[in-house]
Amino acid sequence: MSGATINDVAEESKMSIATVSRVLSGSNYPVKPQTRQRILDAAEKVGYVPNMMARGLKSKVNNEIAVLIPSIQNPFYTSLVGGIEAELATSDFSMSLYLTEHYDLHADALMNRLAGRMLAGVIVAADSMAPHFYKVLYELNQNSQLPIVTMDYKSKNNRFPGVYFDYFEGAKMAVEYLFDKGHRNIAFAFSPMDRETRKARWAGIQAAYQARGYEVNDYFEYEASNDFLAGVSLARMIMQSGKDYTALAATNDSIAVGLLAGLAEQNIRVPDDISVIGFDDCVYAMMCYPSLTTIRVPSEQMGGMAASMLLNTLEGKDQSANVFLEGRVVERASVKAR
């Protein structure tokens, strides 16, 4: 991002600074359509991004907070958003939701949409923080002084404050729980390893095995239109492998519930024939049969704390410290001791 100013736009468009300011500020002052377009084209060419915070302070209408999450299919993200909305409901701020999967190949389009809004701040889930998205958000933060808070997972290069969960330790906790229940032959069911949270889980699984002197290589991966369908297919793949597994561990609850369905269609009983453990403790974990033993990630609390952190920042309070939340095993009916 070039850090271009209104003066740069005026020079490029050959228009007066006053006219350029009227167009770029969204003023109702009458400007000819061709003049307006000429100025907008010039602004795009020089890379001008308006300082939305300064404009908002002047107009007192910047009460919108953008929330960026990968998708809404996984109830984990629905819970995150619920926590954010509950916290914002007690404030004067509203929320707009952006699904970053729609912008995966068009990060600049997302930046332009965010830069063009009268935003007070941004809350972003870590799985939306692919390198190109991080670059866009960092430039927006630096050029517009727009407060940004992240949540879910703390990547090494992330310089924004946030509220996070340790997926490495959470995955270790799941494996150690299964070990303590007497399971040794465990298959791990994952979506594609294209997100940092999934990579952290797999690293935690490997660490748990190494601590016990074991080697893990029973990893199965499948990509589908949603995680439930991936879980159904993974159940088929795992059982067709011919290996005598006593437990299956899923990367999230949606896949775990899919595993339950896939095992049921093969007349495999859970937990009598095989145990299943999930990860997240979303609403599905309580609704399925048998109810799902899982690792609880306090997603709603995380969302609420991220929103509170952003609101405190907007009030001028120092919120530079990160917050890390801990998980725990939630025992239900899908795991049986061997």
Protein backbone atom coordinates (compact mmCIF):
# COMPACT_ATOMS: atom_id res chain seq x y z
CA MET A 1 0.00 0.00 0.00
CA SER A 2 1.46 3.31 -1.05
CA GLY A 3 0.10 5.61 1.67
CA ALA A 4 -1.29 7.94 -1.01
CA THR A 5 -3.03 11.15 0.08
CA ILE A 6 -5.85 13.31 -1.25
CA ASN A 7 -3.16 15.54 -2.76
CA ASP A 8 -1.89 12.59 -4.80
CA VAL A 9 -5.40 11.87 -6.05
CA ALA A 10 -5.90 15.52 -6.97
CA GLU A 11 -2.63 15.58 -8.89
CA GLU A 12 -3.43 12.35 -10.74
CA SER A 13 -7.00 13.40 -11.63
CA LYS A 14 -6.07 17.04 -12.41
CA MET A 15 -8.93 18.16 -10.16
CA SER A 16 -8.98 20.54 -7.21
CA ILE A 17 -8.34 19.21 -3.72
CA ALA A 18 -11.76 20.51 -2.63
CA THR A 19 -13.56 18.51 -5.33
CA VAL A 20 -11.50 15.40 -4.63
CA SER A 21 -12.26 15.69 -0.91
CA ARG A 22 -16.01 15.96 -1.58
CA VAL A 23 -16.02 12.82 -3.69
CA LEU A 24 -13.80 10.71 -1.45
CA SER A 25 -15.56 11.74 1.75
CA GLY A 26 -18.97 10.70 0.40
CA SER A 27 -20.30 14.24 0.58
CA ASN A 28 -23.72 15.03 -0.93
CA TYR A 29 -22.26 18.09 -2.64
CA PRO A 30 -23.23 17.89 -6.36
CA VAL A 31 -20.39 16.65 -8.58
CA LYS A 32 -20.74 15.68 -12.24
CA PRO A 33 -20.79 11.87 -12.73
CA GLN A 34 -17.84 11.97 -15.12
CA THR A 35 -15.84 14.04 -12.63
CA ARG A 36 -16.69 11.67 -9.79
CA GLN A 37 -15.58 8.66 -11.85
CA ARG A 38 -12.38 10.41 -12.88
CA ILE A 39 -11.50 10.99 -9.25
CA LEU A 40 -12.38 7.42 -8.21
CA ASP A 41 -10.24 6.04 -11.03
CA ALA A 42 -7.35 8.24 -9.95
CA ALA A 43 -7.75 7.13 -6.32
CA GLU A 44 -7.57 3.49 -7.35
CA LYS A 45 -4.54 4.12 -9.55
CA VAL A 46 -2.47 5.79 -6.81
CA GLY A 47 -3.67 3.34 -4.13
CA TYR A 48 -5.52 5.83 -1.96
CA VAL A 49 -7.22 4.37 1.15
CA PRO A 50 -9.32 6.78 3.23
CA ASN A 51 -8.64 7.11 6.92
CA MET A 52 -11.96 5.70 8.05
CA MET A 53 -11.25 6.30 11.74
CA ALA A 54 -10.64 10.01 11.20
CA ARG A 55 -13.70 10.31 8.97
CA GLY A 56 -15.80 8.45 11.51
CA LEU A 57 -14.71 10.65 14.39
CA LYS A 58 -15.76 13.66 12.36
CA SER A 59 -19.13 12.28 11.25
CA LYS A 60 -19.76 10.19 14.39
CA VAL A 61 -21.30 7.37 12.34
CA ASN A 62 -18.52 4.77 12.45
CA ASN A 63 -20.28 2.27 14.71
CA GLU A 64 -19.84 -0.80 12.53
CA ILE A 65 -17.46 -3.65 13.42
CA ALA A 66 -16.51 -6.10 10.67
CA VAL A 67 -16.22 -9.76 11.70
CA LEU A 68 -14.22 -12.06 9.41
CA ILE A 69 -14.64 -15.84 9.67
CA PRO A 70 -13.92 -18.64 7.17
CA SER A 71 -17.52 -19.87 6.89
CA ILE A 72 -20.76 -20.42 8.79
CA GLN A 73 -21.13 -24.14 8.05
CA ASN A 74 -19.06 -25.13 11.07
CA PRO A 75 -21.08 -24.37 14.24
CA PHE A 76 -17.82 -23.46 15.97
CA TYR A 77 -17.79 -20.18 14.04
CA THR A 78 -21.48 -19.65 14.68
CA SER A 79 -20.72 -19.84 18.38
CA LEU A 80 -17.82 -17.39 18.01
CA VAL A 81 -20.11 -14.91 16.28
CA GLY A 82 -22.76 -15.44 18.96
CA GLY A 83 -20.28 -14.42 21.63
CA ILE A 84 -19.30 -11.31 19.67
CA GLU A 85 -22.91 -10.31 19.07
CA ALA A 86 -23.83 -10.75 22.74
CA GLU A 87 -20.99 -8.44 23.79
CA LEU A 88 -21.75 -5.82 21.13
CA ALA A 89 -25.43 -5.83 22.10
CA THR A 90 -24.51 -3.93 25.26
CA SER A 91 -22.67 -1.25 23.26
CA ASP A 92 -23.47 1.28 20.55
CA PHE A 93 -21.74 -0.83 17.89
CA SER A 94 -23.20 -3.13 15.28
CA MET A 95 -21.65 -6.06 13.43
CA SER A 96 -21.21 -6.94 9.76
CA LEU A 97 -20.11 -10.46 8.79
CA TYR A 98 -17.68 -11.40 6.01
CA LEU A 99 -17.01 -14.99 4.98
CA THR A 100 -13.40 -15.08 3.84
CA GLU A 101 -13.83 -18.29 1.83
CA HIS A 102 -15.59 -16.08 -0.72
CA TYR A 103 -12.46 -13.91 -1.03
CA ASP A 104 -9.80 -16.62 -0.93
CA LEU A 105 -8.40 -15.65 -4.34
CA HIS A 106 -9.44 -12.00 -4.15
CA ALA A 107 -7.93 -10.53 -0.99
CA ASP A 108 -7.74 -7.07 -2.58
CA ALA A 109 -11.49 -7.12 -3.18
CA LEU A 110 -12.06 -7.74 0.52
CA MET A 111 -9.64 -4.94 1.43
CA ASN A 112 -11.49 -2.54 -0.85
CA ARG A 113 -14.81 -3.46 0.73
CA LEU A 114 -13.44 -2.97 4.23
CA ALA A 115 -11.67 0.27 3.32
CA GLY A 116 -14.85 1.58 1.75
CA ARG A 117 -16.92 0.99 4.89
CA MET A 118 -17.28 3.37 7.81
CA LEU A 119 -15.72 0.83 10.19
CA ALA A 120 -14.84 1.25 13.84
CA GLY A 121 -12.78 -1.95 13.93
CA VAL A 122 -12.29 -5.52 12.74
CA ILE A 123 -12.42 -8.90 14.52
CA VAL A 124 -10.94 -11.76 12.53
CA ALA A 125 -10.75 -15.53 13.14
CA ALA A 126 -7.26 -16.96 12.77
CA ASP A 127 -8.23 -19.40 10.02
CA SER A 128 -8.96 -16.32 7.89
CA MET A 129 -5.37 -15.17 8.36
CA ALA A 130 -3.70 -16.70 5.31
CA PRO A 131 -0.60 -14.65 4.41
CA HIS A 132 -2.35 -12.57 1.74
CA PHE A 133 -5.21 -11.74 4.12
CA TYR A 134 -2.83 -10.82 6.89
CA LYS A 135 -0.97 -8.47 4.53
CA VAL A 136 -4.24 -6.77 3.56
CA LEU A 137 -5.36 -6.35 7.16
CA TYR A 138 -1.96 -5.14 8.35
CA GLU A 139 -1.81 -2.50 5.62
CA LEU A 140 -5.35 -1.41 6.43
CA ASN A 141 -4.42 -1.13 10.09
CA GLN A 142 -1.27 0.86 9.37
CA ASN A 143 -2.79 3.21 6.79
CA SER A 144 -6.15 3.82 8.44
CA GLN A 145 -5.30 3.24 12.11
CA LEU A 146 -8.17 0.76 12.13
CA PRO A 147 -8.17 -1.36 15.33
CA ILE A 148 -7.96 -5.10 14.61
CA VAL A 149 -8.38 -7.96 17.08
CA THR A 150 -7.77 -11.61 16.19
CA MET A 151 -9.11 -14.76 17.82
CA ASP A 152 -8.97 -18.55 17.74
CA TYR A 153 -5.28 -19.26 16.97
CA LYS A 154 -2.07 -17.27 17.56
CA SER A 155 0.14 -17.58 14.50
CA LYS A 156 3.85 -16.73 14.82
CA ASN A 157 3.74 -13.63 12.60
CA ASN A 158 0.50 -12.18 13.94
CA ARG A 159 1.18 -8.76 15.50
CA PHE A 160 -2.43 -7.98 16.40
CA PRO A 161 -3.76 -8.44 19.95
CA GLY A 162 -6.25 -11.25 20.41
CA VAL A 163 -7.95 -14.08 22.30
CA TYR A 164 -6.69 -17.56 21.48
CA PHE A 165 -6.93 -21.29 22.11
CA ASP A 166 -3.93 -23.66 22.22
CA TYR A 167 -4.86 -26.30 19.65
CA PHE A 168 -1.54 -28.08 20.14
CA GLU A 169 -2.28 -28.74 23.81
CA GLY A 170 -5.93 -29.50 23.08
CA ALA A 171 -4.99 -32.26 20.64
CA LYS A 172 -2.46 -33.68 23.10
CA MET A 173 -5.23 -33.74 25.69
CA ALA A 174 -7.47 -35.78 23.38
CA VAL A 175 -4.77 -38.37 22.66
CA GLU A 176 -3.73 -38.66 26.30
CA TYR A 177 -7.37 -39.18 27.26
CA LEU A 178 -7.67 -42.05 24.78
CA PHE A 179 -4.36 -43.52 25.99
CA ASP A 180 -5.62 -43.40 29.57
CA LYS A 181 -8.74 -45.28 28.43
CA GLY A 182 -6.53 -48.04 27.07
CA HIS A 183 -6.61 -47.16 23.36
CA ARG A 184 -3.45 -47.59 21.31
CA ASN A 185 -4.69 -48.20 17.77
CA ILE A 186 -6.17 -44.79 16.97
CA ALA A 187 -7.08 -43.42 13.53
CA PHE A 188 -7.12 -39.65 13.02
CA ALA A 189 -9.76 -38.16 10.71
CA PHE A 190 -8.96 -34.74 9.23
CA SER A 191 -10.05 -32.27 6.61
CA PRO A 192 -7.20 -31.13 4.31
CA MET A 193 -4.23 -29.77 6.28
CA ASP A 194 -4.58 -26.26 4.81
CA ARG A 195 -5.26 -24.31 8.02
CA GLU A 196 -2.92 -23.49 10.86
CA THR A 197 -5.35 -24.76 13.50
CA ARG A 198 -5.36 -28.21 11.86
CA LYS A 199 -1.57 -28.26 11.61
CA ALA A 200 -1.36 -27.35 15.30
CA ARG A 201 -3.71 -30.22 16.18
CA TRP A 202 -1.62 -32.71 14.20
CA ALA A 203 1.58 -31.47 15.87
CA GLY A 204 -0.06 -31.96 19.27
CA ILE A 205 -1.10 -35.50 18.34
CA GLN A 206 2.46 -36.35 17.30
CA ALA A 207 3.85 -34.85 20.50
CA ALA A 208 1.50 -36.98 22.63
CA TYR A 209 2.63 -40.13 20.84
CA GLN A 210 6.31 -39.27 21.13
CA ALA A 211 5.93 -38.63 24.87
CA ARG A 212 4.71 -42.22 25.25
CA GLY A 213 7.39 -43.62 22.98
CA TYR A 214 4.98 -44.44 20.16
CA GLU A 215 4.97 -43.50 16.49
CA VAL A 216 1.81 -42.18 14.84
CA ASN A 217 1.07 -42.66 11.15
CA ASP A 218 -2.63 -43.52 11.07
CA TYR A 219 -3.79 -40.28 9.46
CA PHE A 220 -6.75 -40.08 7.07
CA GLU A 221 -7.77 -36.98 5.14
CA TYR A 222 -10.81 -36.22 3.00
CA GLU A 223 -12.26 -33.05 1.48
CA ALA A 224 -16.00 -32.64 0.90
CA SER A 225 -18.52 -29.81 0.55
CA ASN A 226 -18.90 -29.85 4.35
CA ASP A 227 -17.19 -31.54 7.29
CA PHE A 228 -20.12 -33.85 8.10
CA LEU A 229 -19.94 -35.45 4.64
CA ALA A 230 -16.16 -35.63 4.98
CA GLY A 231 -16.64 -37.55 8.23
CA VAL A 232 -19.00 -40.05 6.59
CA SER A 233 -16.46 -40.73 3.83
CA LEU A 234 -13.61 -40.92 6.32
CA ALA A 235 -15.46 -43.59 8.30
CA ARG A 236 -15.67 -45.69 5.14
CA MET A 237 -12.01 -45.13 4.30
CA ILE A 238 -10.83 -46.01 7.80
CA MET A 239 -12.87 -49.21 8.07
CA GLN A 240 -11.87 -50.27 4.56
CA SER A 241 -8.20 -49.93 5.53
CA GLY A 242 -8.47 -53.30 7.26
CA LYS A 243 -6.67 -52.13 10.40
CA ASP A 244 -8.00 -53.01 13.83
CA TYR A 245 -8.65 -49.56 15.27
CA THR A 246 -10.21 -49.19 18.70
CA ALA A 247 -10.77 -45.42 18.50
CA LEU A 248 -11.20 -42.63 15.96
CA ALA A 249 -10.23 -39.01 16.71
CA ALA A 250 -11.68 -36.22 14.56
CA THR A 251 -10.27 -32.77 13.91
CA ASN A 252 -13.63 -31.22 14.87
CA ASP A 253 -17.10 -32.22 16.03
CA SER A 254 -18.69 -31.89 12.59
CA ILE A 255 -16.34 -34.56 11.24
CA ALA A 256 -16.86 -36.65 14.37
CA VAL A 257 -20.64 -36.65 13.89
CA GLY A 258 -20.04 -37.65 10.27
CA LEU A 259 -17.90 -40.52 11.55
CA LEU A 260 -20.78 -41.67 13.76
CA ALA A 261 -23.12 -41.68 10.76
CA GLY A 262 -20.58 -43.45 8.54
CA LEU A 263 -19.96 -46.12 11.15
CA ALA A 264 -23.69 -46.63 11.73
CA GLU A 265 -24.27 -47.31 8.02
CA GLN A 266 -21.65 -50.07 8.31
CA ASN A 267 -23.40 -51.51 11.40
CA ILE A 268 -20.44 -50.62 13.60
CA ARG A 269 -21.51 -49.77 17.14
CA VAL A 270 -20.11 -46.77 19.02
CA PRO A 271 -18.61 -47.14 21.59
CA ASP A 272 -18.96 -50.93 21.91
CA ASP A 273 -17.07 -51.72 18.69
CA ILE A 274 -15.08 -48.52 18.35
CA SER A 275 -14.79 -45.22 20.24
CA VAL A 276 -15.00 -41.73 18.73
CA ILE A 277 -13.73 -38.42 20.14
CA GLY A 278 -14.37 -34.97 18.67
CA PHE A 279 -12.94 -31.49 19.11
CA ASP A 280 -14.73 -28.16 19.83
CA ASP A 281 -17.79 -29.19 21.91
CA CYS A 282 -20.25 -27.57 19.51
CA VAL A 283 -24.00 -28.07 19.71
CA TYR A 284 -23.78 -31.18 17.50
CA ALA A 285 -21.87 -32.99 20.23
CA MET A 286 -24.95 -33.05 22.45
CA MET A 287 -27.49 -33.71 19.68
CA CYS A 288 -25.97 -36.83 18.09
CA TYR A 289 -26.29 -40.46 19.20
CA PRO A 290 -24.36 -41.50 21.07
CA SER A 291 -23.55 -38.11 22.50
CA LEU A 292 -20.00 -37.11 21.67
CA THR A 293 -17.02 -37.09 23.99
CA THR A 294 -14.94 -34.13 22.85
CA ILE A 295 -12.40 -31.43 23.71
CA ARG A 296 -14.15 -28.23 24.68
CA VAL A 297 -12.96 -25.04 22.99
CA PRO A 298 -14.71 -22.09 24.73
CA SER A 299 -15.69 -20.48 21.42
CA GLU A 300 -18.55 -18.29 22.65
CA GLN A 301 -16.42 -16.97 25.49
CA MET A 302 -13.60 -16.36 23.02
CA GLY A 303 -15.84 -14.31 20.75
CA GLY A 304 -17.17 -12.26 23.64
CA MET A 305 -13.69 -11.54 24.97
CA ALA A 306 -12.44 -10.54 21.51
CA ALA A 307 -15.33 -8.09 21.18
CA SER A 308 -14.66 -6.72 24.66
CA MET A 309 -10.98 -6.27 23.78
CA LEU A 310 -11.89 -4.28 20.67
CA LEU A 311 -14.41 -2.13 22.56
CA ASN A 312 -11.78 -1.34 25.20
CA THR A 313 -9.36 -0.37 22.43
CA LEU A 314 -11.95 1.99 20.96
CA GLU A 315 -12.29 3.57 24.41
CA GLY A 316 -8.55 4.25 24.46
CA LYS A 317 -7.61 1.49 26.92
CA ASP A 318 -4.40 -0.48 26.41
CA GLN A 319 -5.26 -3.93 25.03
CA SER A 320 -1.86 -5.04 23.75
CA ALA A 321 -1.73 -8.24 25.85
CA ASN A 322 -3.00 -11.51 24.40
CA VAL A 323 -5.40 -13.84 26.20
CA PHE A 324 -5.09 -17.65 26.01
CA LEU A 325 -8.01 -19.91 26.92
CA GLU A 326 -7.70 -23.53 28.03
CA GLY A 327 -9.65 -26.57 26.87
CA ARG A 328 -10.92 -29.59 28.76
CA VAL A 329 -12.28 -33.06 28.04
CA VAL A 330 -16.07 -33.27 28.03
CA GLU A 331 -16.99 -36.90 28.67
CA ARG A 332 -20.18 -38.20 27.13
CA ALA A 333 -21.08 -41.57 25.64
CA SER A 334 -18.90 -42.10 22.54
CA VAL A 335 -15.70 -43.34 24.23
CA LYS A 336 -15.39 -46.64 26.10
CA ALA A 337 -12.41 -47.91 28.07
CA ARG A 338 -10.62 -50.93 26.62
